[in-house]
mmCIF file of all heavy atoms, coordinates in Angstrom:
data_MODEL
# 
_entry.id   MODEL 
# 
loop_
_atom_site.group_PDB 
_atom_site.id 
_atom_site.type_symbol 
_atom_site.label_atom_id 
_atom_site.label_alt_id 
_atom_site.label_comp_id 
_atom_site.label_asym_id 
_atom_site.label_entity_id 
_atom_site.label_seq_id 
_atom_site.pdbx_PDB_ins_code 
_atom_site.Cartn_x 
_atom_site.Cartn_y 
_atom_site.Cartn_z 
_atom_site.occupancy 
_atom_site.B_iso_or_equiv 
_atom_site.pdbx_formal_charge 
_atom_site.auth_seq_id 
_atom_site.auth_comp_id 
_atom_site.auth_asym_id 
_atom_site.auth_atom_id 
_atom_site.pdbx_PDB_model_num 
ATOM 1   N N   . SER A 1 1  ? 28.433 6.893  -22.489 1.00 0.00 ? 1  SER A N   1 
ATOM 2   C CA  . SER A 1 1  ? 28.484 8.215  -21.880 1.00 0.00 ? 1  SER A CA  1 
ATOM 3   C C   . SER A 1 1  ? 29.843 8.837  -22.076 1.00 0.00 ? 1  SER A C   1 
ATOM 4   O O   . SER A 1 1  ? 30.870 8.187  -21.892 1.00 0.00 ? 1  SER A O   1 
ATOM 5   C CB  . SER A 1 1  ? 28.176 8.115  -20.379 1.00 0.00 ? 1  SER A CB  1 
ATOM 6   O OG  . SER A 1 1  ? 28.360 9.365  -19.755 1.00 0.00 ? 1  SER A OG  1 
ATOM 7   N N   . LEU A 1 2  ? 29.844 10.109 -22.442 1.00 0.00 ? 2  LEU A N   1 
ATOM 8   C CA  . LEU A 1 2  ? 31.092 10.844 -22.560 1.00 0.00 ? 2  LEU A CA  1 
ATOM 9   C C   . LEU A 1 2  ? 31.593 11.330 -21.213 1.00 0.00 ? 2  LEU A C   1 
ATOM 10  O O   . LEU A 1 2  ? 32.760 11.623 -21.044 1.00 0.00 ? 2  LEU A O   1 
ATOM 11  C CB  . LEU A 1 2  ? 30.891 12.074 -23.464 1.00 0.00 ? 2  LEU A CB  1 
ATOM 12  C CG  . LEU A 1 2  ? 30.932 11.847 -24.966 1.00 0.00 ? 2  LEU A CG  1 
ATOM 13  C CD1 . LEU A 1 2  ? 30.530 13.123 -25.671 1.00 0.00 ? 2  LEU A CD1 1 
ATOM 14  C CD2 . LEU A 1 2  ? 32.306 11.404 -25.401 1.00 0.00 ? 2  LEU A CD2 1 
ATOM 15  N N   . ASN A 1 3  ? 30.689 11.430 -20.231 1.00 0.00 ? 3  ASN A N   1 
ATOM 16  C CA  . ASN A 1 3  ? 31.037 12.036 -18.956 1.00 0.00 ? 3  ASN A CA  1 
ATOM 17  C C   . ASN A 1 3  ? 31.759 13.358 -19.163 1.00 0.00 ? 3  ASN A C   1 
ATOM 18  O O   . ASN A 1 3  ? 32.944 13.497 -18.842 1.00 0.00 ? 3  ASN A O   1 
ATOM 19  C CB  . ASN A 1 3  ? 31.910 11.090 -18.118 1.00 0.00 ? 3  ASN A CB  1 
ATOM 20  C CG  . ASN A 1 3  ? 31.126 9.924  -17.562 1.00 0.00 ? 3  ASN A CG  1 
ATOM 21  O OD1 . ASN A 1 3  ? 29.947 10.052 -17.276 1.00 0.00 ? 3  ASN A OD1 1 
ATOM 22  N ND2 . ASN A 1 3  ? 31.780 8.789  -17.418 1.00 0.00 ? 3  ASN A ND2 1 
ATOM 23  N N   . PRO A 1 4  ? 31.120 14.377 -19.742 1.00 0.00 ? 4  PRO A N   1 
ATOM 24  C CA  . PRO A 1 4  ? 31.776 15.620 -20.093 1.00 0.00 ? 4  PRO A CA  1 
ATOM 25  C C   . PRO A 1 4  ? 32.496 16.239 -18.907 1.00 0.00 ? 4  PRO A C   1 
ATOM 26  O O   . PRO A 1 4  ? 31.985 16.281 -17.800 1.00 0.00 ? 4  PRO A O   1 
ATOM 27  C CB  . PRO A 1 4  ? 30.614 16.517 -20.548 1.00 0.00 ? 4  PRO A CB  1 
ATOM 28  C CG  . PRO A 1 4  ? 29.557 15.555 -20.970 1.00 0.00 ? 4  PRO A CG  1 
ATOM 29  C CD  . PRO A 1 4  ? 29.692 14.382 -20.059 1.00 0.00 ? 4  PRO A CD  1 
ATOM 30  N N   . GLY A 1 5  ? 33.701 16.762 -19.138 1.00 0.00 ? 5  GLY A N   1 
ATOM 31  C CA  . GLY A 1 5  ? 34.483 17.403 -18.108 1.00 0.00 ? 5  GLY A CA  1 
ATOM 32  C C   . GLY A 1 5  ? 35.232 16.429 -17.226 1.00 0.00 ? 5  GLY A C   1 
ATOM 33  O O   . GLY A 1 5  ? 35.980 16.835 -16.363 1.00 0.00 ? 5  GLY A O   1 
ATOM 34  N N   . ARG A 1 6  ? 35.085 15.130 -17.449 1.00 0.00 ? 6  ARG A N   1 
ATOM 35  C CA  . ARG A 1 6  ? 35.750 14.132 -16.632 1.00 0.00 ? 6  ARG A CA  1 
ATOM 36  C C   . ARG A 1 6  ? 36.844 13.437 -17.428 1.00 0.00 ? 6  ARG A C   1 
ATOM 37  O O   . ARG A 1 6  ? 37.292 13.921 -18.463 1.00 0.00 ? 6  ARG A O   1 
ATOM 38  C CB  . ARG A 1 6  ? 34.736 13.122 -16.101 1.00 0.00 ? 6  ARG A CB  1 
ATOM 39  C CG  . ARG A 1 6  ? 33.663 13.792 -15.229 1.00 0.00 ? 6  ARG A CG  1 
ATOM 40  C CD  . ARG A 1 6  ? 32.654 12.778 -14.727 1.00 0.00 ? 6  ARG A CD  1 
ATOM 41  N NE  . ARG A 1 6  ? 31.606 13.413 -13.941 1.00 0.00 ? 6  ARG A NE  1 
ATOM 42  C CZ  . ARG A 1 6  ? 30.576 12.776 -13.423 1.00 0.00 ? 6  ARG A CZ  1 
ATOM 43  N NH1 . ARG A 1 6  ? 30.428 11.468 -13.616 1.00 0.00 ? 6  ARG A NH1 1 
ATOM 44  N NH2 . ARG A 1 6  ? 29.674 13.420 -12.724 1.00 0.00 ? 6  ARG A NH2 1 
ATOM 45  N N   . ARG A 1 7  ? 37.283 12.280 -16.931 1.00 0.00 ? 7  ARG A N   1 
ATOM 46  C CA  . ARG A 1 7  ? 38.434 11.615 -17.525 1.00 0.00 ? 7  ARG A CA  1 
ATOM 47  C C   . ARG A 1 7  ? 38.204 11.172 -18.962 1.00 0.00 ? 7  ARG A C   1 
ATOM 48  O O   . ARG A 1 7  ? 39.109 11.229 -19.791 1.00 0.00 ? 7  ARG A O   1 
ATOM 49  C CB  . ARG A 1 7  ? 38.812 10.399 -16.679 1.00 0.00 ? 7  ARG A CB  1 
ATOM 50  C CG  . ARG A 1 7  ? 39.343 10.759 -15.293 1.00 0.00 ? 7  ARG A CG  1 
ATOM 51  C CD  . ARG A 1 7  ? 39.694 9.507  -14.522 1.00 0.00 ? 7  ARG A CD  1 
ATOM 52  N NE  . ARG A 1 7  ? 40.175 9.841  -13.193 1.00 0.00 ? 7  ARG A NE  1 
ATOM 53  C CZ  . ARG A 1 7  ? 40.517 8.935  -12.280 1.00 0.00 ? 7  ARG A CZ  1 
ATOM 54  N NH1 . ARG A 1 7  ? 40.406 7.645  -12.577 1.00 0.00 ? 7  ARG A NH1 1 
ATOM 55  N NH2 . ARG A 1 7  ? 40.956 9.319  -11.099 1.00 0.00 ? 7  ARG A NH2 1 
ATOM 56  N N   . ASN A 1 8  ? 36.999 10.725 -19.274 1.00 0.00 ? 8  ASN A N   1 
ATOM 57  C CA  . ASN A 1 8  ? 36.755 10.173 -20.609 1.00 0.00 ? 8  ASN A CA  1 
ATOM 58  C C   . ASN A 1 8  ? 36.909 11.208 -21.715 1.00 0.00 ? 8  ASN A C   1 
ATOM 59  O O   . ASN A 1 8  ? 37.512 10.937 -22.750 1.00 0.00 ? 8  ASN A O   1 
ATOM 60  C CB  . ASN A 1 8  ? 35.364 9.543  -20.679 1.00 0.00 ? 8  ASN A CB  1 
ATOM 61  C CG  . ASN A 1 8  ? 35.301 8.230  -19.917 1.00 0.00 ? 8  ASN A CG  1 
ATOM 62  O OD1 . ASN A 1 8  ? 36.313 7.621  -19.641 1.00 0.00 ? 8  ASN A OD1 1 
ATOM 63  N ND2 . ASN A 1 8  ? 34.102 7.814  -19.567 1.00 0.00 ? 8  ASN A ND2 1 
ATOM 64  N N   . ILE A 1 9  ? 36.363 12.402 -21.491 1.00 0.00 ? 9  ILE A N   1 
ATOM 65  C CA  . ILE A 1 9  ? 36.467 13.438 -22.518 1.00 0.00 ? 9  ILE A CA  1 
ATOM 66  C C   . ILE A 1 9  ? 37.908 13.907 -22.659 1.00 0.00 ? 9  ILE A C   1 
ATOM 67  O O   . ILE A 1 9  ? 38.386 14.196 -23.757 1.00 0.00 ? 9  ILE A O   1 
ATOM 68  C CB  . ILE A 1 9  ? 35.518 14.619 -22.194 1.00 0.00 ? 9  ILE A CB  1 
ATOM 69  C CG1 . ILE A 1 9  ? 35.392 15.539 -23.400 1.00 0.00 ? 9  ILE A CG1 1 
ATOM 70  C CG2 . ILE A 1 9  ? 35.973 15.395 -20.984 1.00 0.00 ? 9  ILE A CG2 1 
ATOM 71  C CD1 . ILE A 1 9  ? 34.314 16.598 -23.228 1.00 0.00 ? 9  ILE A CD1 1 
ATOM 72  N N   . LEU A 1 10 ? 38.632 13.961 -21.533 1.00 0.00 ? 10 LEU A N   1 
ATOM 73  C CA  . LEU A 1 10 ? 40.042 14.345 -21.582 1.00 0.00 ? 10 LEU A CA  1 
ATOM 74  C C   . LEU A 1 10 ? 40.860 13.281 -22.292 1.00 0.00 ? 10 LEU A C   1 
ATOM 75  O O   . LEU A 1 10 ? 41.737 13.593 -23.110 1.00 0.00 ? 10 LEU A O   1 
ATOM 76  C CB  . LEU A 1 10 ? 40.561 14.553 -20.156 1.00 0.00 ? 10 LEU A CB  1 
ATOM 77  C CG  . LEU A 1 10 ? 41.958 15.158 -20.017 1.00 0.00 ? 10 LEU A CG  1 
ATOM 78  C CD1 . LEU A 1 10 ? 41.992 16.558 -20.626 1.00 0.00 ? 10 LEU A CD1 1 
ATOM 79  C CD2 . LEU A 1 10 ? 42.376 15.212 -18.545 1.00 0.00 ? 10 LEU A CD2 1 
ATOM 80  N N   . ALA A 1 11 ? 40.559 12.015 -22.014 1.00 0.00 ? 11 ALA A N   1 
ATOM 81  C CA  . ALA A 1 11 ? 41.268 10.919 -22.680 1.00 0.00 ? 11 ALA A CA  1 
ATOM 82  C C   . ALA A 1 11 ? 41.012 10.931 -24.176 1.00 0.00 ? 11 ALA A C   1 
ATOM 83  O O   . ALA A 1 11 ? 41.929 10.688 -24.975 1.00 0.00 ? 11 ALA A O   1 
ATOM 84  C CB  . ALA A 1 11 ? 40.824 9.580  -22.079 1.00 0.00 ? 11 ALA A CB  1 
ATOM 85  N N   . LEU A 1 12 ? 39.787 11.235 -24.572 1.00 0.00 ? 12 LEU A N   1 
ATOM 86  C CA  . LEU A 1 12 ? 39.446 11.293 -25.996 1.00 0.00 ? 12 LEU A CA  1 
ATOM 87  C C   . LEU A 1 12 ? 40.198 12.427 -26.682 1.00 0.00 ? 12 LEU A C   1 
ATOM 88  O O   . LEU A 1 12 ? 40.703 12.267 -27.803 1.00 0.00 ? 12 LEU A O   1 
ATOM 89  C CB  . LEU A 1 12 ? 37.939 11.480 -26.154 1.00 0.00 ? 12 LEU A CB  1 
ATOM 90  C CG  . LEU A 1 12 ? 37.388 11.488 -27.584 1.00 0.00 ? 12 LEU A CG  1 
ATOM 91  C CD1 . LEU A 1 12 ? 37.711 10.184 -28.297 1.00 0.00 ? 12 LEU A CD1 1 
ATOM 92  C CD2 . LEU A 1 12 ? 35.882 11.729 -27.551 1.00 0.00 ? 12 LEU A CD2 1 
ATOM 93  N N   . PHE A 1 13 ? 40.301 13.578 -26.001 1.00 0.00 ? 13 PHE A N   1 
ATOM 94  C CA  . PHE A 1 13 ? 41.042 14.706 -26.565 1.00 0.00 ? 13 PHE A CA  1 
ATOM 95  C C   . PHE A 1 13 ? 42.513 14.337 -26.746 1.00 0.00 ? 13 PHE A C   1 
ATOM 96  O O   . PHE A 1 13 ? 43.102 14.606 -27.792 1.00 0.00 ? 13 PHE A O   1 
ATOM 97  C CB  . PHE A 1 13 ? 40.916 15.927 -25.650 1.00 0.00 ? 13 PHE A CB  1 
ATOM 98  C CG  . PHE A 1 13 ? 41.738 17.106 -26.112 1.00 0.00 ? 13 PHE A CG  1 
ATOM 99  C CD1 . PHE A 1 13 ? 41.247 17.972 -27.079 1.00 0.00 ? 13 PHE A CD1 1 
ATOM 100 C CD2 . PHE A 1 13 ? 42.998 17.339 -25.587 1.00 0.00 ? 13 PHE A CD2 1 
ATOM 101 C CE1 . PHE A 1 13 ? 42.001 19.058 -27.516 1.00 0.00 ? 13 PHE A CE1 1 
ATOM 102 C CE2 . PHE A 1 13 ? 43.764 18.422 -26.014 1.00 0.00 ? 13 PHE A CE2 1 
ATOM 103 C CZ  . PHE A 1 13 ? 43.261 19.279 -26.977 1.00 0.00 ? 13 PHE A CZ  1 
ATOM 104 N N   . PHE A 1 14 ? 43.100 13.720 -25.738 1.00 0.00 ? 14 PHE A N   1 
ATOM 105 C CA  . PHE A 1 14 ? 44.517 13.365 -25.831 1.00 0.00 ? 14 PHE A CA  1 
ATOM 106 C C   . PHE A 1 14 ? 44.756 12.243 -26.848 1.00 0.00 ? 14 PHE A C   1 
ATOM 107 O O   . PHE A 1 14 ? 45.830 12.171 -27.441 1.00 0.00 ? 14 PHE A O   1 
ATOM 108 C CB  . PHE A 1 14 ? 45.067 12.970 -24.458 1.00 0.00 ? 14 PHE A CB  1 
ATOM 109 C CG  . PHE A 1 14 ? 45.436 14.156 -23.618 1.00 0.00 ? 14 PHE A CG  1 
ATOM 110 C CD1 . PHE A 1 14 ? 44.686 14.499 -22.505 1.00 0.00 ? 14 PHE A CD1 1 
ATOM 111 C CD2 . PHE A 1 14 ? 46.514 14.963 -23.952 1.00 0.00 ? 14 PHE A CD2 1 
ATOM 112 C CE1 . PHE A 1 14 ? 45.012 15.609 -21.736 1.00 0.00 ? 14 PHE A CE1 1 
ATOM 113 C CE2 . PHE A 1 14 ? 46.849 16.071 -23.192 1.00 0.00 ? 14 PHE A CE2 1 
ATOM 114 C CZ  . PHE A 1 14 ? 46.098 16.392 -22.078 1.00 0.00 ? 14 PHE A CZ  1 
ATOM 115 N N   . LEU A 1 15 ? 43.753 11.398 -27.060 1.00 0.00 ? 15 LEU A N   1 
ATOM 116 C CA  . LEU A 1 15 ? 43.856 10.402 -28.118 1.00 0.00 ? 15 LEU A CA  1 
ATOM 117 C C   . LEU A 1 15 ? 43.929 11.097 -29.479 1.00 0.00 ? 15 LEU A C   1 
ATOM 118 O O   . LEU A 1 15 ? 44.728 10.729 -30.343 1.00 0.00 ? 15 LEU A O   1 
ATOM 119 C CB  . LEU A 1 15 ? 42.657 9.456  -28.065 1.00 0.00 ? 15 LEU A CB  1 
ATOM 120 C CG  . LEU A 1 15 ? 42.601 8.371  -29.151 1.00 0.00 ? 15 LEU A CG  1 
ATOM 121 C CD1 . LEU A 1 15 ? 43.813 7.453  -29.048 1.00 0.00 ? 15 LEU A CD1 1 
ATOM 122 C CD2 . LEU A 1 15 ? 41.313 7.565  -29.034 1.00 0.00 ? 15 LEU A CD2 1 
ATOM 123 N N   . GLY A 1 16 ? 43.092 12.121 -29.661 1.00 0.00 ? 16 GLY A N   1 
ATOM 124 C CA  . GLY A 1 16 ? 43.143 12.905 -30.883 1.00 0.00 ? 16 GLY A CA  1 
ATOM 125 C C   . GLY A 1 16 ? 44.458 13.651 -31.015 1.00 0.00 ? 16 GLY A C   1 
ATOM 126 O O   . GLY A 1 16 ? 45.041 13.725 -32.101 1.00 0.00 ? 16 GLY A O   1 
ATOM 127 N N   . LEU A 1 17 ? 44.943 14.210 -29.903 1.00 0.00 ? 17 LEU A N   1 
ATOM 128 C CA  . LEU A 1 17 ? 46.224 14.918 -29.898 1.00 0.00 ? 17 LEU A CA  1 
ATOM 129 C C   . LEU A 1 17 ? 47.354 14.000 -30.332 1.00 0.00 ? 17 LEU A C   1 
ATOM 130 O O   . LEU A 1 17 ? 48.179 14.355 -31.188 1.00 0.00 ? 17 LEU A O   1 
ATOM 131 C CB  . LEU A 1 17 ? 46.490 15.459 -28.493 1.00 0.00 ? 17 LEU A CB  1 
ATOM 132 C CG  . LEU A 1 17 ? 47.720 16.350 -28.307 1.00 0.00 ? 17 LEU A CG  1 
ATOM 133 C CD1 . LEU A 1 17 ? 47.491 17.715 -28.929 1.00 0.00 ? 17 LEU A CD1 1 
ATOM 134 C CD2 . LEU A 1 17 ? 48.046 16.497 -26.822 1.00 0.00 ? 17 LEU A CD2 1 
ATOM 135 N N   . LEU A 1 18 ? 47.382 12.805 -29.755 1.00 0.00 ? 18 LEU A N   1 
ATOM 136 C CA  . LEU A 1 18 ? 48.410 11.826 -30.110 1.00 0.00 ? 18 LEU A CA  1 
ATOM 137 C C   . LEU A 1 18 ? 48.278 11.403 -31.564 1.00 0.00 ? 18 LEU A C   1 
ATOM 138 O O   . LEU A 1 18 ? 49.288 11.266 -32.272 1.00 0.00 ? 18 LEU A O   1 
ATOM 139 C CB  . LEU A 1 18 ? 48.290 10.607 -29.185 1.00 0.00 ? 18 LEU A CB  1 
ATOM 140 C CG  . LEU A 1 18 ? 49.306 9.482  -29.406 1.00 0.00 ? 18 LEU A CG  1 
ATOM 141 C CD1 . LEU A 1 18 ? 50.733 9.982  -29.188 1.00 0.00 ? 18 LEU A CD1 1 
ATOM 142 C CD2 . LEU A 1 18 ? 49.008 8.305  -28.475 1.00 0.00 ? 18 LEU A CD2 1 
ATOM 143 N N   . SER A 1 19 ? 47.058 11.216 -32.030 1.00 0.00 ? 19 SER A N   1 
ATOM 144 C CA  . SER A 1 19 ? 46.836 10.825 -33.428 1.00 0.00 ? 19 SER A CA  1 
ATOM 145 C C   . SER A 1 19 ? 47.351 11.894 -34.380 1.00 0.00 ? 19 SER A C   1 
ATOM 146 O O   . SER A 1 19 ? 47.975 11.594 -35.402 1.00 0.00 ? 19 SER A O   1 
ATOM 147 C CB  . SER A 1 19 ? 45.349 10.579 -33.674 1.00 0.00 ? 19 SER A CB  1 
ATOM 148 O OG  . SER A 1 19 ? 44.862 9.530  -32.866 1.00 0.00 ? 19 SER A OG  1 
ATOM 149 N N   . GLY A 1 20 ? 47.083 13.171 -34.056 1.00 0.00 ? 20 GLY A N   1 
ATOM 150 C CA  . GLY A 1 20 ? 47.563 14.262 -34.883 1.00 0.00 ? 20 GLY A CA  1 
ATOM 151 C C   . GLY A 1 20 ? 49.078 14.308 -34.951 1.00 0.00 ? 20 GLY A C   1 
ATOM 152 O O   . GLY A 1 20 ? 49.664 14.533 -36.022 1.00 0.00 ? 20 GLY A O   1 
ATOM 153 N N   . MET A 1 21 ? 49.724 14.066 -33.820 1.00 0.00 ? 21 MET A N   1 
ATOM 154 C CA  . MET A 1 21 ? 51.184 14.054 -33.787 1.00 0.00 ? 21 MET A CA  1 
ATOM 155 C C   . MET A 1 21 ? 51.756 12.897 -34.593 1.00 0.00 ? 21 MET A C   1 
ATOM 156 O O   . MET A 1 21 ? 52.746 13.047 -35.317 1.00 0.00 ? 21 MET A O   1 
ATOM 157 C CB  . MET A 1 21 ? 51.669 13.964 -32.332 1.00 0.00 ? 21 MET A CB  1 
ATOM 158 C CG  . MET A 1 21 ? 51.382 15.212 -31.519 1.00 0.00 ? 21 MET A CG  1 
ATOM 159 S SD  . MET A 1 21 ? 51.961 15.039 -29.805 1.00 0.00 ? 21 MET A SD  1 
ATOM 160 C CE  . MET A 1 21 ? 51.655 16.692 -29.187 1.00 0.00 ? 21 MET A CE  1 
ATOM 161 N N   . ILE A 1 22 ? 51.109 11.735 -34.482 1.00 0.00 ? 22 ILE A N   1 
ATOM 162 C CA  . ILE A 1 22 ? 51.569 10.568 -35.240 1.00 0.00 ? 22 ILE A CA  1 
ATOM 163 C C   . ILE A 1 22 ? 51.418 10.804 -36.737 1.00 0.00 ? 22 ILE A C   1 
ATOM 164 O O   . ILE A 1 22 ? 52.316 10.493 -37.522 1.00 0.00 ? 22 ILE A O   1 
ATOM 165 C CB  . ILE A 1 22 ? 50.791 9.306  -34.800 1.00 0.00 ? 22 ILE A CB  1 
ATOM 166 C CG1 . ILE A 1 22 ? 51.168 8.921  -33.370 1.00 0.00 ? 22 ILE A CG1 1 
ATOM 167 C CG2 . ILE A 1 22 ? 51.071 8.147  -35.752 1.00 0.00 ? 22 ILE A CG2 1 
ATOM 168 C CD1 . ILE A 1 22 ? 50.334 7.795  -32.799 1.00 0.00 ? 22 ILE A CD1 1 
ATOM 169 N N   . VAL A 1 23 ? 50.279 11.366 -37.134 1.00 0.00 ? 23 VAL A N   1 
ATOM 170 C CA  . VAL A 1 23 ? 50.043 11.656 -38.551 1.00 0.00 ? 23 VAL A CA  1 
ATOM 171 C C   . VAL A 1 23 ? 51.109 12.589 -39.093 1.00 0.00 ? 23 VAL A C   1 
ATOM 172 O O   . VAL A 1 23 ? 51.655 12.385 -40.188 1.00 0.00 ? 23 VAL A O   1 
ATOM 173 C CB  . VAL A 1 23 ? 48.635 12.260 -38.752 1.00 0.00 ? 23 VAL A CB  1 
ATOM 174 C CG1 . VAL A 1 23 ? 48.494 12.852 -40.149 1.00 0.00 ? 23 VAL A CG1 1 
ATOM 175 C CG2 . VAL A 1 23 ? 47.562 11.204 -38.527 1.00 0.00 ? 23 VAL A CG2 1 
ATOM 176 N N   . MET A 1 24 ? 51.438 13.641 -38.333 1.00 0.00 ? 24 MET A N   1 
ATOM 177 C CA  . MET A 1 24 ? 52.447 14.596 -38.786 1.00 0.00 ? 24 MET A CA  1 
ATOM 178 C C   . MET A 1 24 ? 53.826 13.953 -38.871 1.00 0.00 ? 24 MET A C   1 
ATOM 179 O O   . MET A 1 24 ? 54.594 14.230 -39.800 1.00 0.00 ? 24 MET A O   1 
ATOM 180 C CB  . MET A 1 24 ? 52.498 15.797 -37.844 1.00 0.00 ? 24 MET A CB  1 
ATOM 181 C CG  . MET A 1 24 ? 51.404 16.807 -38.072 1.00 0.00 ? 24 MET A CG  1 
ATOM 182 S SD  . MET A 1 24 ? 51.317 17.452 -39.767 1.00 0.00 ? 24 MET A SD  1 
ATOM 183 C CE  . MET A 1 24 ? 52.959 18.128 -39.969 1.00 0.00 ? 24 MET A CE  1 
ATOM 184 N N   . ASN A 1 25 ? 54.165 13.097 -37.922 1.00 0.00 ? 25 ASN A N   1 
ATOM 185 C CA  . ASN A 1 25 ? 55.476 12.453 -37.939 1.00 0.00 ? 25 ASN A CA  1 
ATOM 186 C C   . ASN A 1 25 ? 55.600 11.447 -39.074 1.00 0.00 ? 25 ASN A C   1 
ATOM 187 O O   . ASN A 1 25 ? 56.657 11.341 -39.698 1.00 0.00 ? 25 ASN A O   1 
ATOM 188 C CB  . ASN A 1 25 ? 55.740 11.768 -36.592 1.00 0.00 ? 25 ASN A CB  1 
ATOM 189 C CG  . ASN A 1 25 ? 56.256 12.726 -35.542 1.00 0.00 ? 25 ASN A CG  1 
ATOM 190 O OD1 . ASN A 1 25 ? 57.447 13.007 -35.468 1.00 0.00 ? 25 ASN A OD1 1 
ATOM 191 N ND2 . ASN A 1 25 ? 55.358 13.251 -34.733 1.00 0.00 ? 25 ASN A ND2 1 
ATOM 192 N N   . ILE A 1 26 ? 54.528 10.712 -39.341 1.00 0.00 ? 26 ILE A N   1 
ATOM 193 C CA  . ILE A 1 26 ? 54.566 9.721  -40.416 1.00 0.00 ? 26 ILE A CA  1 
ATOM 194 C C   . ILE A 1 26 ? 54.557 10.389 -41.787 1.00 0.00 ? 26 ILE A C   1 
ATOM 195 O O   . ILE A 1 26 ? 55.298 9.997  -42.688 1.00 0.00 ? 26 ILE A O   1 
ATOM 196 C CB  . ILE A 1 26 ? 53.371 8.746  -40.296 1.00 0.00 ? 26 ILE A CB  1 
ATOM 197 C CG1 . ILE A 1 26 ? 53.522 7.887  -39.033 1.00 0.00 ? 26 ILE A CG1 1 
ATOM 198 C CG2 . ILE A 1 26 ? 53.278 7.854  -41.530 1.00 0.00 ? 26 ILE A CG2 1 
ATOM 199 C CD1 . ILE A 1 26 ? 52.343 6.969  -38.774 1.00 0.00 ? 26 ILE A CD1 1 
ATOM 200 N N   . GLY A 1 27 ? 53.716 11.411 -41.937 1.00 0.00 ? 27 GLY A N   1 
ATOM 201 C CA  . GLY A 1 27 ? 53.565 12.029 -43.253 1.00 0.00 ? 27 GLY A CA  1 
ATOM 202 C C   . GLY A 1 27 ? 54.212 13.389 -43.388 1.00 0.00 ? 27 GLY A C   1 
ATOM 203 O O   . GLY A 1 27 ? 53.771 14.206 -44.189 1.00 0.00 ? 27 GLY A O   1 
ATOM 204 N N   . LYS A 1 28 ? 55.267 13.661 -42.591 1.00 0.00 ? 28 LYS A N   1 
ATOM 205 C CA  . LYS A 1 28 ? 55.846 15.001 -42.600 1.00 0.00 ? 28 LYS A CA  1 
ATOM 206 C C   . LYS A 1 28 ? 56.451 15.380 -43.949 1.00 0.00 ? 28 LYS A C   1 
ATOM 207 O O   . LYS A 1 28 ? 56.460 16.554 -44.327 1.00 0.00 ? 28 LYS A O   1 
ATOM 208 C CB  . LYS A 1 28 ? 56.898 15.140 -41.505 1.00 0.00 ? 28 LYS A CB  1 
ATOM 209 C CG  . LYS A 1 28 ? 58.093 14.209 -41.617 1.00 0.00 ? 28 LYS A CG  1 
ATOM 210 C CD  . LYS A 1 28 ? 59.031 14.415 -40.445 1.00 0.00 ? 28 LYS A CD  1 
ATOM 211 C CE  . LYS A 1 28 ? 60.214 13.460 -40.500 1.00 0.00 ? 28 LYS A CE  1 
ATOM 212 N NZ  . LYS A 1 28 ? 61.125 13.650 -39.345 1.00 0.00 ? 28 LYS A NZ  1 
ATOM 213 N N   . SER A 1 29 ? 56.936 14.403 -44.699 1.00 0.00 ? 29 SER A N   1 
ATOM 214 C CA  . SER A 1 29 ? 57.522 14.720 -46.003 1.00 0.00 ? 29 SER A CA  1 
ATOM 215 C C   . SER A 1 29 ? 56.465 15.246 -46.973 1.00 0.00 ? 29 SER A C   1 
ATOM 216 O O   . SER A 1 29 ? 56.753 16.048 -47.846 1.00 0.00 ? 29 SER A O   1 
ATOM 217 C CB  . SER A 1 29 ? 58.195 13.479 -46.598 1.00 0.00 ? 29 SER A CB  1 
ATOM 218 O OG  . SER A 1 29 ? 57.260 12.440 -46.782 1.00 0.00 ? 29 SER A OG  1 
# 
């Protein structure tokens, strides 16, 4: 269950946010 609007969906979004930031920092060159 995603439990939309609750902690799980927010955690998944922030996991993606963190992943995007890591990708940019690693591959910024």
